[in-house]
PDBML (XML) file of the C-alpha atoms, coordinates in Angstrom:
<?xml version="1.0" encoding="UTF-8" ?>
<PDBx:datablock datablockName="MODEL"
   xmlns:PDBx="http://pdbml.pdb.org/schema/pdbx-v50.xsd"
   xmlns:xsi="http://www.w3.org/2001/XMLSchema-instance"
   xsi:schemaLocation="http://pdbml.pdb.org/schema/pdbx-v50.xsd pdbx-v50.xsd">
   <PDBx:atom_siteCategory>
      <PDBx:atom_site id="1">
         <PDBx:B_iso_or_equiv>0.00</PDBx:B_iso_or_equiv>
         <PDBx:Cartn_x>24.327</PDBx:Cartn_x>
         <PDBx:Cartn_y>22.692</PDBx:Cartn_y>
         <PDBx:Cartn_z>4.052</PDBx:Cartn_z>
         <PDBx:auth_asym_id>A</PDBx:auth_asym_id>
         <PDBx:auth_atom_id>CA</PDBx:auth_atom_id>
         <PDBx:auth_comp_id>UNK</PDBx:auth_comp_id>
         <PDBx:auth_seq_id>1</PDBx:auth_seq_id>
         <PDBx:group_PDB>ATOM</PDBx:group_PDB>
         <PDBx:label_alt_id xsi:nil="true" />
         <PDBx:label_asym_id>A</PDBx:label_asym_id>
         <PDBx:label_atom_id>CA</PDBx:label_atom_id>
         <PDBx:label_comp_id>UNK</PDBx:label_comp_id>
         <PDBx:label_entity_id>1</PDBx:label_entity_id>
         <PDBx:label_seq_id>1</PDBx:label_seq_id>
         <PDBx:occupancy>1.00</PDBx:occupancy>
         <PDBx:pdbx_PDB_model_num>1</PDBx:pdbx_PDB_model_num>
         <PDBx:type_symbol>C</PDBx:type_symbol>
      </PDBx:atom_site>
      <PDBx:atom_site id="2">
         <PDBx:B_iso_or_equiv>0.00</PDBx:B_iso_or_equiv>
         <PDBx:Cartn_x>20.707</PDBx:Cartn_x>
         <PDBx:Cartn_y>21.670</PDBx:Cartn_y>
         <PDBx:Cartn_z>3.479</PDBx:Cartn_z>
         <PDBx:auth_asym_id>A</PDBx:auth_asym_id>
         <PDBx:auth_atom_id>CA</PDBx:auth_atom_id>
         <PDBx:auth_comp_id>UNK</PDBx:auth_comp_id>
         <PDBx:auth_seq_id>2</PDBx:auth_seq_id>
         <PDBx:group_PDB>ATOM</PDBx:group_PDB>
         <PDBx:label_alt_id xsi:nil="true" />
         <PDBx:label_asym_id>A</PDBx:label_asym_id>
         <PDBx:label_atom_id>CA</PDBx:label_atom_id>
         <PDBx:label_comp_id>UNK</PDBx:label_comp_id>
         <PDBx:label_entity_id>1</PDBx:label_entity_id>
         <PDBx:label_seq_id>2</PDBx:label_seq_id>
         <PDBx:occupancy>1.00</PDBx:occupancy>
         <PDBx:pdbx_PDB_model_num>1</PDBx:pdbx_PDB_model_num>
         <PDBx:type_symbol>C</PDBx:type_symbol>
      </PDBx:atom_site>
      <PDBx:atom_site id="3">
         <PDBx:B_iso_or_equiv>0.00</PDBx:B_iso_or_equiv>
         <PDBx:Cartn_x>21.470</PDBx:Cartn_x>
         <PDBx:Cartn_y>17.973</PDBx:Cartn_y>
         <PDBx:Cartn_z>3.212</PDBx:Cartn_z>
         <PDBx:auth_asym_id>A</PDBx:auth_asym_id>
         <PDBx:auth_atom_id>CA</PDBx:auth_atom_id>
         <PDBx:auth_comp_id>UNK</PDBx:auth_comp_id>
         <PDBx:auth_seq_id>3</PDBx:auth_seq_id>
         <PDBx:group_PDB>ATOM</PDBx:group_PDB>
         <PDBx:label_alt_id xsi:nil="true" />
         <PDBx:label_asym_id>A</PDBx:label_asym_id>
         <PDBx:label_atom_id>CA</PDBx:label_atom_id>
         <PDBx:label_comp_id>UNK</PDBx:label_comp_id>
         <PDBx:label_entity_id>1</PDBx:label_entity_id>
         <PDBx:label_seq_id>3</PDBx:label_seq_id>
         <PDBx:occupancy>1.00</PDBx:occupancy>
         <PDBx:pdbx_PDB_model_num>1</PDBx:pdbx_PDB_model_num>
         <PDBx:type_symbol>C</PDBx:type_symbol>
      </PDBx:atom_site>
      <PDBx:atom_site id="4">
         <PDBx:B_iso_or_equiv>0.00</PDBx:B_iso_or_equiv>
         <PDBx:Cartn_x>23.308</PDBx:Cartn_x>
         <PDBx:Cartn_y>17.255</PDBx:Cartn_y>
         <PDBx:Cartn_z>6.438</PDBx:Cartn_z>
         <PDBx:auth_asym_id>A</PDBx:auth_asym_id>
         <PDBx:auth_atom_id>CA</PDBx:auth_atom_id>
         <PDBx:auth_comp_id>UNK</PDBx:auth_comp_id>
         <PDBx:auth_seq_id>4</PDBx:auth_seq_id>
         <PDBx:group_PDB>ATOM</PDBx:group_PDB>
         <PDBx:label_alt_id xsi:nil="true" />
         <PDBx:label_asym_id>A</PDBx:label_asym_id>
         <PDBx:label_atom_id>CA</PDBx:label_atom_id>
         <PDBx:label_comp_id>UNK</PDBx:label_comp_id>
         <PDBx:label_entity_id>1</PDBx:label_entity_id>
         <PDBx:label_seq_id>4</PDBx:label_seq_id>
         <PDBx:occupancy>1.00</PDBx:occupancy>
         <PDBx:pdbx_PDB_model_num>1</PDBx:pdbx_PDB_model_num>
         <PDBx:type_symbol>C</PDBx:type_symbol>
      </PDBx:atom_site>
      <PDBx:atom_site id="5">
         <PDBx:B_iso_or_equiv>0.00</PDBx:B_iso_or_equiv>
         <PDBx:Cartn_x>22.339</PDBx:Cartn_x>
         <PDBx:Cartn_y>13.604</PDBx:Cartn_y>
         <PDBx:Cartn_z>6.423</PDBx:Cartn_z>
         <PDBx:auth_asym_id>A</PDBx:auth_asym_id>
         <PDBx:auth_atom_id>CA</PDBx:auth_atom_id>
         <PDBx:auth_comp_id>UNK</PDBx:auth_comp_id>
         <PDBx:auth_seq_id>5</PDBx:auth_seq_id>
         <PDBx:group_PDB>ATOM</PDBx:group_PDB>
         <PDBx:label_alt_id xsi:nil="true" />
         <PDBx:label_asym_id>A</PDBx:label_asym_id>
         <PDBx:label_atom_id>CA</PDBx:label_atom_id>
         <PDBx:label_comp_id>UNK</PDBx:label_comp_id>
         <PDBx:label_entity_id>1</PDBx:label_entity_id>
         <PDBx:label_seq_id>5</PDBx:label_seq_id>
         <PDBx:occupancy>1.00</PDBx:occupancy>
         <PDBx:pdbx_PDB_model_num>1</PDBx:pdbx_PDB_model_num>
         <PDBx:type_symbol>C</PDBx:type_symbol>
      </PDBx:atom_site>
      <PDBx:atom_site id="6">
         <PDBx:B_iso_or_equiv>0.00</PDBx:B_iso_or_equiv>
         <PDBx:Cartn_x>25.264</PDBx:Cartn_x>
         <PDBx:Cartn_y>11.316</PDBx:Cartn_y>
         <PDBx:Cartn_z>5.615</PDBx:Cartn_z>
         <PDBx:auth_asym_id>A</PDBx:auth_asym_id>
         <PDBx:auth_atom_id>CA</PDBx:auth_atom_id>
         <PDBx:auth_comp_id>UNK</PDBx:auth_comp_id>
         <PDBx:auth_seq_id>6</PDBx:auth_seq_id>
         <PDBx:group_PDB>ATOM</PDBx:group_PDB>
         <PDBx:label_alt_id xsi:nil="true" />
         <PDBx:label_asym_id>A</PDBx:label_asym_id>
         <PDBx:label_atom_id>CA</PDBx:label_atom_id>
         <PDBx:label_comp_id>UNK</PDBx:label_comp_id>
         <PDBx:label_entity_id>1</PDBx:label_entity_id>
         <PDBx:label_seq_id>6</PDBx:label_seq_id>
         <PDBx:occupancy>1.00</PDBx:occupancy>
         <PDBx:pdbx_PDB_model_num>1</PDBx:pdbx_PDB_model_num>
         <PDBx:type_symbol>C</PDBx:type_symbol>
      </PDBx:atom_site>
      <PDBx:atom_site id="7">
         <PDBx:B_iso_or_equiv>0.00</PDBx:B_iso_or_equiv>
         <PDBx:Cartn_x>23.026</PDBx:Cartn_x>
         <PDBx:Cartn_y>9.343</PDBx:Cartn_y>
         <PDBx:Cartn_z>3.259</PDBx:Cartn_z>
         <PDBx:auth_asym_id>A</PDBx:auth_asym_id>
         <PDBx:auth_atom_id>CA</PDBx:auth_atom_id>
         <PDBx:auth_comp_id>UNK</PDBx:auth_comp_id>
         <PDBx:auth_seq_id>7</PDBx:auth_seq_id>
         <PDBx:group_PDB>ATOM</PDBx:group_PDB>
         <PDBx:label_alt_id xsi:nil="true" />
         <PDBx:label_asym_id>A</PDBx:label_asym_id>
         <PDBx:label_atom_id>CA</PDBx:label_atom_id>
         <PDBx:label_comp_id>UNK</PDBx:label_comp_id>
         <PDBx:label_entity_id>1</PDBx:label_entity_id>
         <PDBx:label_seq_id>7</PDBx:label_seq_id>
         <PDBx:occupancy>1.00</PDBx:occupancy>
         <PDBx:pdbx_PDB_model_num>1</PDBx:pdbx_PDB_model_num>
         <PDBx:type_symbol>C</PDBx:type_symbol>
      </PDBx:atom_site>
      <PDBx:atom_site id="8">
         <PDBx:B_iso_or_equiv>0.00</PDBx:B_iso_or_equiv>
         <PDBx:Cartn_x>22.198</PDBx:Cartn_x>
         <PDBx:Cartn_y>12.330</PDBx:Cartn_y>
         <PDBx:Cartn_z>1.035</PDBx:Cartn_z>
         <PDBx:auth_asym_id>A</PDBx:auth_asym_id>
         <PDBx:auth_atom_id>CA</PDBx:auth_atom_id>
         <PDBx:auth_comp_id>UNK</PDBx:auth_comp_id>
         <PDBx:auth_seq_id>8</PDBx:auth_seq_id>
         <PDBx:group_PDB>ATOM</PDBx:group_PDB>
         <PDBx:label_alt_id xsi:nil="true" />
         <PDBx:label_asym_id>A</PDBx:label_asym_id>
         <PDBx:label_atom_id>CA</PDBx:label_atom_id>
         <PDBx:label_comp_id>UNK</PDBx:label_comp_id>
         <PDBx:label_entity_id>1</PDBx:label_entity_id>
         <PDBx:label_seq_id>8</PDBx:label_seq_id>
         <PDBx:occupancy>1.00</PDBx:occupancy>
         <PDBx:pdbx_PDB_model_num>1</PDBx:pdbx_PDB_model_num>
         <PDBx:type_symbol>C</PDBx:type_symbol>
      </PDBx:atom_site>
      <PDBx:atom_site id="9">
         <PDBx:B_iso_or_equiv>0.00</PDBx:B_iso_or_equiv>
         <PDBx:Cartn_x>24.606</PDBx:Cartn_x>
         <PDBx:Cartn_y>11.146</PDBx:Cartn_y>
         <PDBx:Cartn_z>-1.684</PDBx:Cartn_z>
         <PDBx:auth_asym_id>A</PDBx:auth_asym_id>
         <PDBx:auth_atom_id>CA</PDBx:auth_atom_id>
         <PDBx:auth_comp_id>UNK</PDBx:auth_comp_id>
         <PDBx:auth_seq_id>9</PDBx:auth_seq_id>
         <PDBx:group_PDB>ATOM</PDBx:group_PDB>
         <PDBx:label_alt_id xsi:nil="true" />
         <PDBx:label_asym_id>A</PDBx:label_asym_id>
         <PDBx:label_atom_id>CA</PDBx:label_atom_id>
         <PDBx:label_comp_id>UNK</PDBx:label_comp_id>
         <PDBx:label_entity_id>1</PDBx:label_entity_id>
         <PDBx:label_seq_id>9</PDBx:label_seq_id>
         <PDBx:occupancy>1.00</PDBx:occupancy>
         <PDBx:pdbx_PDB_model_num>1</PDBx:pdbx_PDB_model_num>
         <PDBx:type_symbol>C</PDBx:type_symbol>
      </PDBx:atom_site>
      <PDBx:atom_site id="10">
         <PDBx:B_iso_or_equiv>0.00</PDBx:B_iso_or_equiv>
         <PDBx:Cartn_x>23.317</PDBx:Cartn_x>
         <PDBx:Cartn_y>7.580</PDBx:Cartn_y>
         <PDBx:Cartn_z>-1.575</PDBx:Cartn_z>
         <PDBx:auth_asym_id>A</PDBx:auth_asym_id>
         <PDBx:auth_atom_id>CA</PDBx:auth_atom_id>
         <PDBx:auth_comp_id>UNK</PDBx:auth_comp_id>
         <PDBx:auth_seq_id>10</PDBx:auth_seq_id>
         <PDBx:group_PDB>ATOM</PDBx:group_PDB>
         <PDBx:label_alt_id xsi:nil="true" />
         <PDBx:label_asym_id>A</PDBx:label_asym_id>
         <PDBx:label_atom_id>CA</PDBx:label_atom_id>
         <PDBx:label_comp_id>UNK</PDBx:label_comp_id>
         <PDBx:label_entity_id>1</PDBx:label_entity_id>
         <PDBx:label_seq_id>10</PDBx:label_seq_id>
         <PDBx:occupancy>1.00</PDBx:occupancy>
         <PDBx:pdbx_PDB_model_num>1</PDBx:pdbx_PDB_model_num>
         <PDBx:type_symbol>C</PDBx:type_symbol>
      </PDBx:atom_site>
      <PDBx:atom_site id="11">
         <PDBx:B_iso_or_equiv>0.00</PDBx:B_iso_or_equiv>
         <PDBx:Cartn_x>20.943</PDBx:Cartn_x>
         <PDBx:Cartn_y>8.021</PDBx:Cartn_y>
         <PDBx:Cartn_z>-4.561</PDBx:Cartn_z>
         <PDBx:auth_asym_id>A</PDBx:auth_asym_id>
         <PDBx:auth_atom_id>CA</PDBx:auth_atom_id>
         <PDBx:auth_comp_id>UNK</PDBx:auth_comp_id>
         <PDBx:auth_seq_id>11</PDBx:auth_seq_id>
         <PDBx:group_PDB>ATOM</PDBx:group_PDB>
         <PDBx:label_alt_id xsi:nil="true" />
         <PDBx:label_asym_id>A</PDBx:label_asym_id>
         <PDBx:label_atom_id>CA</PDBx:label_atom_id>
         <PDBx:label_comp_id>UNK</PDBx:label_comp_id>
         <PDBx:label_entity_id>1</PDBx:label_entity_id>
         <PDBx:label_seq_id>11</PDBx:label_seq_id>
         <PDBx:occupancy>1.00</PDBx:occupancy>
         <PDBx:pdbx_PDB_model_num>1</PDBx:pdbx_PDB_model_num>
         <PDBx:type_symbol>C</PDBx:type_symbol>
      </PDBx:atom_site>
      <PDBx:atom_site id="12">
         <PDBx:B_iso_or_equiv>0.00</PDBx:B_iso_or_equiv>
         <PDBx:Cartn_x>23.789</PDBx:Cartn_x>
         <PDBx:Cartn_y>9.324</PDBx:Cartn_y>
         <PDBx:Cartn_z>-6.735</PDBx:Cartn_z>
         <PDBx:auth_asym_id>A</PDBx:auth_asym_id>
         <PDBx:auth_atom_id>CA</PDBx:auth_atom_id>
         <PDBx:auth_comp_id>UNK</PDBx:auth_comp_id>
         <PDBx:auth_seq_id>12</PDBx:auth_seq_id>
         <PDBx:group_PDB>ATOM</PDBx:group_PDB>
         <PDBx:label_alt_id xsi:nil="true" />
         <PDBx:label_asym_id>A</PDBx:label_asym_id>
         <PDBx:label_atom_id>CA</PDBx:label_atom_id>
         <PDBx:label_comp_id>UNK</PDBx:label_comp_id>
         <PDBx:label_entity_id>1</PDBx:label_entity_id>
         <PDBx:label_seq_id>12</PDBx:label_seq_id>
         <PDBx:occupancy>1.00</PDBx:occupancy>
         <PDBx:pdbx_PDB_model_num>1</PDBx:pdbx_PDB_model_num>
         <PDBx:type_symbol>C</PDBx:type_symbol>
      </PDBx:atom_site>
      <PDBx:atom_site id="13">
         <PDBx:B_iso_or_equiv>0.00</PDBx:B_iso_or_equiv>
         <PDBx:Cartn_x>26.048</PDBx:Cartn_x>
         <PDBx:Cartn_y>6.428</PDBx:Cartn_y>
         <PDBx:Cartn_z>-5.746</PDBx:Cartn_z>
         <PDBx:auth_asym_id>A</PDBx:auth_asym_id>
         <PDBx:auth_atom_id>CA</PDBx:auth_atom_id>
         <PDBx:auth_comp_id>UNK</PDBx:auth_comp_id>
         <PDBx:auth_seq_id>13</PDBx:auth_seq_id>
         <PDBx:group_PDB>ATOM</PDBx:group_PDB>
         <PDBx:label_alt_id xsi:nil="true" />
         <PDBx:label_asym_id>A</PDBx:label_asym_id>
         <PDBx:label_atom_id>CA</PDBx:label_atom_id>
         <PDBx:label_comp_id>UNK</PDBx:label_comp_id>
         <PDBx:label_entity_id>1</PDBx:label_entity_id>
         <PDBx:label_seq_id>13</PDBx:label_seq_id>
         <PDBx:occupancy>1.00</PDBx:occupancy>
         <PDBx:pdbx_PDB_model_num>1</PDBx:pdbx_PDB_model_num>
         <PDBx:type_symbol>C</PDBx:type_symbol>
      </PDBx:atom_site>
      <PDBx:atom_site id="14">
         <PDBx:B_iso_or_equiv>0.00</PDBx:B_iso_or_equiv>
         <PDBx:Cartn_x>23.227</PDBx:Cartn_x>
         <PDBx:Cartn_y>3.978</PDBx:Cartn_y>
         <PDBx:Cartn_z>-6.450</PDBx:Cartn_z>
         <PDBx:auth_asym_id>A</PDBx:auth_asym_id>
         <PDBx:auth_atom_id>CA</PDBx:auth_atom_id>
         <PDBx:auth_comp_id>UNK</PDBx:auth_comp_id>
         <PDBx:auth_seq_id>14</PDBx:auth_seq_id>
         <PDBx:group_PDB>ATOM</PDBx:group_PDB>
         <PDBx:label_alt_id xsi:nil="true" />
         <PDBx:label_asym_id>A</PDBx:label_asym_id>
         <PDBx:label_atom_id>CA</PDBx:label_atom_id>
         <PDBx:label_comp_id>UNK</PDBx:label_comp_id>
         <PDBx:label_entity_id>1</PDBx:label_entity_id>
         <PDBx:label_seq_id>14</PDBx:label_seq_id>
         <PDBx:occupancy>1.00</PDBx:occupancy>
         <PDBx:pdbx_PDB_model_num>1</PDBx:pdbx_PDB_model_num>
         <PDBx:type_symbol>C</PDBx:type_symbol>
      </PDBx:atom_site>
      <PDBx:atom_site id="15">
         <PDBx:B_iso_or_equiv>0.00</PDBx:B_iso_or_equiv>
         <PDBx:Cartn_x>22.702</PDBx:Cartn_x>
         <PDBx:Cartn_y>5.548</PDBx:Cartn_y>
         <PDBx:Cartn_z>-9.887</PDBx:Cartn_z>
         <PDBx:auth_asym_id>A</PDBx:auth_asym_id>
         <PDBx:auth_atom_id>CA</PDBx:auth_atom_id>
         <PDBx:auth_comp_id>UNK</PDBx:auth_comp_id>
         <PDBx:auth_seq_id>15</PDBx:auth_seq_id>
         <PDBx:group_PDB>ATOM</PDBx:group_PDB>
         <PDBx:label_alt_id xsi:nil="true" />
         <PDBx:label_asym_id>A</PDBx:label_asym_id>
         <PDBx:label_atom_id>CA</PDBx:label_atom_id>
         <PDBx:label_comp_id>UNK</PDBx:label_comp_id>
         <PDBx:label_entity_id>1</PDBx:label_entity_id>
         <PDBx:label_seq_id>15</PDBx:label_seq_id>
         <PDBx:occupancy>1.00</PDBx:occupancy>
         <PDBx:pdbx_PDB_model_num>1</PDBx:pdbx_PDB_model_num>
         <PDBx:type_symbol>C</PDBx:type_symbol>
      </PDBx:atom_site>
      <PDBx:atom_site id="16">
         <PDBx:B_iso_or_equiv>0.00</PDBx:B_iso_or_equiv>
         <PDBx:Cartn_x>26.389</PDBx:Cartn_x>
         <PDBx:Cartn_y>5.096</PDBx:Cartn_y>
         <PDBx:Cartn_z>-10.740</PDBx:Cartn_z>
         <PDBx:auth_asym_id>A</PDBx:auth_asym_id>
         <PDBx:auth_atom_id>CA</PDBx:auth_atom_id>
         <PDBx:auth_comp_id>UNK</PDBx:auth_comp_id>
         <PDBx:auth_seq_id>16</PDBx:auth_seq_id>
         <PDBx:group_PDB>ATOM</PDBx:group_PDB>
         <PDBx:label_alt_id xsi:nil="true" />
         <PDBx:label_asym_id>A</PDBx:label_asym_id>
         <PDBx:label_atom_id>CA</PDBx:label_atom_id>
         <PDBx:label_comp_id>UNK</PDBx:label_comp_id>
         <PDBx:label_entity_id>1</PDBx:label_entity_id>
         <PDBx:label_seq_id>16</PDBx:label_seq_id>
         <PDBx:occupancy>1.00</PDBx:occupancy>
         <PDBx:pdbx_PDB_model_num>1</PDBx:pdbx_PDB_model_num>
         <PDBx:type_symbol>C</PDBx:type_symbol>
      </PDBx:atom_site>
      <PDBx:atom_site id="17">
         <PDBx:B_iso_or_equiv>0.00</PDBx:B_iso_or_equiv>
         <PDBx:Cartn_x>26.338</PDBx:Cartn_x>
         <PDBx:Cartn_y>1.490</PDBx:Cartn_y>
         <PDBx:Cartn_z>-9.489</PDBx:Cartn_z>
         <PDBx:auth_asym_id>A</PDBx:auth_asym_id>
         <PDBx:auth_atom_id>CA</PDBx:auth_atom_id>
         <PDBx:auth_comp_id>UNK</PDBx:auth_comp_id>
         <PDBx:auth_seq_id>17</PDBx:auth_seq_id>
         <PDBx:group_PDB>ATOM</PDBx:group_PDB>
         <PDBx:label_alt_id xsi:nil="true" />
         <PDBx:label_asym_id>A</PDBx:label_asym_id>
         <PDBx:label_atom_id>CA</PDBx:label_atom_id>
         <PDBx:label_comp_id>UNK</PDBx:label_comp_id>
         <PDBx:label_entity_id>1</PDBx:label_entity_id>
         <PDBx:label_seq_id>17</PDBx:label_seq_id>
         <PDBx:occupancy>1.00</PDBx:occupancy>
         <PDBx:pdbx_PDB_model_num>1</PDBx:pdbx_PDB_model_num>
         <PDBx:type_symbol>C</PDBx:type_symbol>
      </PDBx:atom_site>
      <PDBx:atom_site id="18">
         <PDBx:B_iso_or_equiv>0.00</PDBx:B_iso_or_equiv>
         <PDBx:Cartn_x>23.243</PDBx:Cartn_x>
         <PDBx:Cartn_y>0.797</PDBx:Cartn_y>
         <PDBx:Cartn_z>-11.582</PDBx:Cartn_z>
         <PDBx:auth_asym_id>A</PDBx:auth_asym_id>
         <PDBx:auth_atom_id>CA</PDBx:auth_atom_id>
         <PDBx:auth_comp_id>UNK</PDBx:auth_comp_id>
         <PDBx:auth_seq_id>18</PDBx:auth_seq_id>
         <PDBx:group_PDB>ATOM</PDBx:group_PDB>
         <PDBx:label_alt_id xsi:nil="true" />
         <PDBx:label_asym_id>A</PDBx:label_asym_id>
         <PDBx:label_atom_id>CA</PDBx:label_atom_id>
         <PDBx:label_comp_id>UNK</PDBx:label_comp_id>
         <PDBx:label_entity_id>1</PDBx:label_entity_id>
         <PDBx:label_seq_id>18</PDBx:label_seq_id>
         <PDBx:occupancy>1.00</PDBx:occupancy>
         <PDBx:pdbx_PDB_model_num>1</PDBx:pdbx_PDB_model_num>
         <PDBx:type_symbol>C</PDBx:type_symbol>
      </PDBx:atom_site>
      <PDBx:atom_site id="19">
         <PDBx:B_iso_or_equiv>0.00</PDBx:B_iso_or_equiv>
         <PDBx:Cartn_x>25.051</PDBx:Cartn_x>
         <PDBx:Cartn_y>2.258</PDBx:Cartn_y>
         <PDBx:Cartn_z>-14.598</PDBx:Cartn_z>
         <PDBx:auth_asym_id>A</PDBx:auth_asym_id>
         <PDBx:auth_atom_id>CA</PDBx:auth_atom_id>
         <PDBx:auth_comp_id>UNK</PDBx:auth_comp_id>
         <PDBx:auth_seq_id>19</PDBx:auth_seq_id>
         <PDBx:group_PDB>ATOM</PDBx:group_PDB>
         <PDBx:label_alt_id xsi:nil="true" />
         <PDBx:label_asym_id>A</PDBx:label_asym_id>
         <PDBx:label_atom_id>CA</PDBx:label_atom_id>
         <PDBx:label_comp_id>UNK</PDBx:label_comp_id>
         <PDBx:label_entity_id>1</PDBx:label_entity_id>
         <PDBx:label_seq_id>19</PDBx:label_seq_id>
         <PDBx:occupancy>1.00</PDBx:occupancy>
         <PDBx:pdbx_PDB_model_num>1</PDBx:pdbx_PDB_model_num>
         <PDBx:type_symbol>C</PDBx:type_symbol>
      </PDBx:atom_site>
      <PDBx:atom_site id="20">
         <PDBx:B_iso_or_equiv>0.00</PDBx:B_iso_or_equiv>
         <PDBx:Cartn_x>27.975</PDBx:Cartn_x>
         <PDBx:Cartn_y>-0.136</PDBx:Cartn_y>
         <PDBx:Cartn_z>-14.098</PDBx:Cartn_z>
         <PDBx:auth_asym_id>A</PDBx:auth_asym_id>
         <PDBx:auth_atom_id>CA</PDBx:auth_atom_id>
         <PDBx:auth_comp_id>UNK</PDBx:auth_comp_id>
         <PDBx:auth_seq_id>20</PDBx:auth_seq_id>
         <PDBx:group_PDB>ATOM</PDBx:group_PDB>
         <PDBx:label_alt_id xsi:nil="true" />
         <PDBx:label_asym_id>A</PDBx:label_asym_id>
         <PDBx:label_atom_id>CA</PDBx:label_atom_id>
         <PDBx:label_comp_id>UNK</PDBx:label_comp_id>
         <PDBx:label_entity_id>1</PDBx:label_entity_id>
         <PDBx:label_seq_id>20</PDBx:label_seq_id>
         <PDBx:occupancy>1.00</PDBx:occupancy>
         <PDBx:pdbx_PDB_model_num>1</PDBx:pdbx_PDB_model_num>
         <PDBx:type_symbol>C</PDBx:type_symbol>
      </PDBx:atom_site>
      <PDBx:atom_site id="21">
         <PDBx:B_iso_or_equiv>0.00</PDBx:B_iso_or_equiv>
         <PDBx:Cartn_x>25.614</PDBx:Cartn_x>
         <PDBx:Cartn_y>-3.088</PDBx:Cartn_y>
         <PDBx:Cartn_z>-13.672</PDBx:Cartn_z>
         <PDBx:auth_asym_id>A</PDBx:auth_asym_id>
         <PDBx:auth_atom_id>CA</PDBx:auth_atom_id>
         <PDBx:auth_comp_id>UNK</PDBx:auth_comp_id>
         <PDBx:auth_seq_id>21</PDBx:auth_seq_id>
         <PDBx:group_PDB>ATOM</PDBx:group_PDB>
         <PDBx:label_alt_id xsi:nil="true" />
         <PDBx:label_asym_id>A</PDBx:label_asym_id>
         <PDBx:label_atom_id>CA</PDBx:label_atom_id>
         <PDBx:label_comp_id>UNK</PDBx:label_comp_id>
         <PDBx:label_entity_id>1</PDBx:label_entity_id>
         <PDBx:label_seq_id>21</PDBx:label_seq_id>
         <PDBx:occupancy>1.00</PDBx:occupancy>
         <PDBx:pdbx_PDB_model_num>1</PDBx:pdbx_PDB_model_num>
         <PDBx:type_symbol>C</PDBx:type_symbol>
      </PDBx:atom_site>
      <PDBx:atom_site id="22">
         <PDBx:B_iso_or_equiv>0.00</PDBx:B_iso_or_equiv>
         <PDBx:Cartn_x>23.662</PDBx:Cartn_x>
         <PDBx:Cartn_y>-2.053</PDBx:Cartn_y>
         <PDBx:Cartn_z>-16.776</PDBx:Cartn_z>
         <PDBx:auth_asym_id>A</PDBx:auth_asym_id>
         <PDBx:auth_atom_id>CA</PDBx:auth_atom_id>
         <PDBx:auth_comp_id>UNK</PDBx:auth_comp_id>
         <PDBx:auth_seq_id>22</PDBx:auth_seq_id>
         <PDBx:group_PDB>ATOM</PDBx:group_PDB>
         <PDBx:label_alt_id xsi:nil="true" />
         <PDBx:label_asym_id>A</PDBx:label_asym_id>
         <PDBx:label_atom_id>CA</PDBx:label_atom_id>
         <PDBx:label_comp_id>UNK</PDBx:label_comp_id>
         <PDBx:label_entity_id>1</PDBx:label_entity_id>
         <PDBx:label_seq_id>22</PDBx:label_seq_id>
         <PDBx:occupancy>1.00</PDBx:occupancy>
         <PDBx:pdbx_PDB_model_num>1</PDBx:pdbx_PDB_model_num>
         <PDBx:type_symbol>C</PDBx:type_symbol>
      </PDBx:atom_site>
      <PDBx:atom_site id="23">
         <PDBx:B_iso_or_equiv>0.00</PDBx:B_iso_or_equiv>
         <PDBx:Cartn_x>26.862</PDBx:Cartn_x>
         <PDBx:Cartn_y>-1.936</PDBx:Cartn_y>
         <PDBx:Cartn_z>-18.788</PDBx:Cartn_z>
         <PDBx:auth_asym_id>A</PDBx:auth_asym_id>
         <PDBx:auth_atom_id>CA</PDBx:auth_atom_id>
         <PDBx:auth_comp_id>UNK</PDBx:auth_comp_id>
         <PDBx:auth_seq_id>23</PDBx:auth_seq_id>
         <PDBx:group_PDB>ATOM</PDBx:group_PDB>
         <PDBx:label_alt_id xsi:nil="true" />
         <PDBx:label_asym_id>A</PDBx:label_asym_id>
         <PDBx:label_atom_id>CA</PDBx:label_atom_id>
         <PDBx:label_comp_id>UNK</PDBx:label_comp_id>
         <PDBx:label_entity_id>1</PDBx:label_entity_id>
         <PDBx:label_seq_id>23</PDBx:label_seq_id>
         <PDBx:occupancy>1.00</PDBx:occupancy>
         <PDBx:pdbx_PDB_model_num>1</PDBx:pdbx_PDB_model_num>
         <PDBx:type_symbol>C</PDBx:type_symbol>
      </PDBx:atom_site>
      <PDBx:atom_site id="24">
         <PDBx:B_iso_or_equiv>0.00</PDBx:B_iso_or_equiv>
         <PDBx:Cartn_x>27.818</PDBx:Cartn_x>
         <PDBx:Cartn_y>-5.449</PDBx:Cartn_y>
         <PDBx:Cartn_z>-17.661</PDBx:Cartn_z>
         <PDBx:auth_asym_id>A</PDBx:auth_asym_id>
         <PDBx:auth_atom_id>CA</PDBx:auth_atom_id>
         <PDBx:auth_comp_id>UNK</PDBx:auth_comp_id>
         <PDBx:auth_seq_id>24</PDBx:auth_seq_id>
         <PDBx:group_PDB>ATOM</PDBx:group_PDB>
         <PDBx:label_alt_id xsi:nil="true" />
         <PDBx:label_asym_id>A</PDBx:label_asym_id>
         <PDBx:label_atom_id>CA</PDBx:label_atom_id>
         <PDBx:label_comp_id>UNK</PDBx:label_comp_id>
         <PDBx:label_entity_id>1</PDBx:label_entity_id>
         <PDBx:label_seq_id>24</PDBx:label_seq_id>
         <PDBx:occupancy>1.00</PDBx:occupancy>
         <PDBx:pdbx_PDB_model_num>1</PDBx:pdbx_PDB_model_num>
         <PDBx:type_symbol>C</PDBx:type_symbol>
      </PDBx:atom_site>
   </PDBx:atom_siteCategory>
</PDBx:datablock>
């Protein structure tokens, strides 16, 4: 409710993508 912006989850998605890239 505080983070109404649609990009609020973008940092978490980026972190997961970085994790996949780091593994590779």
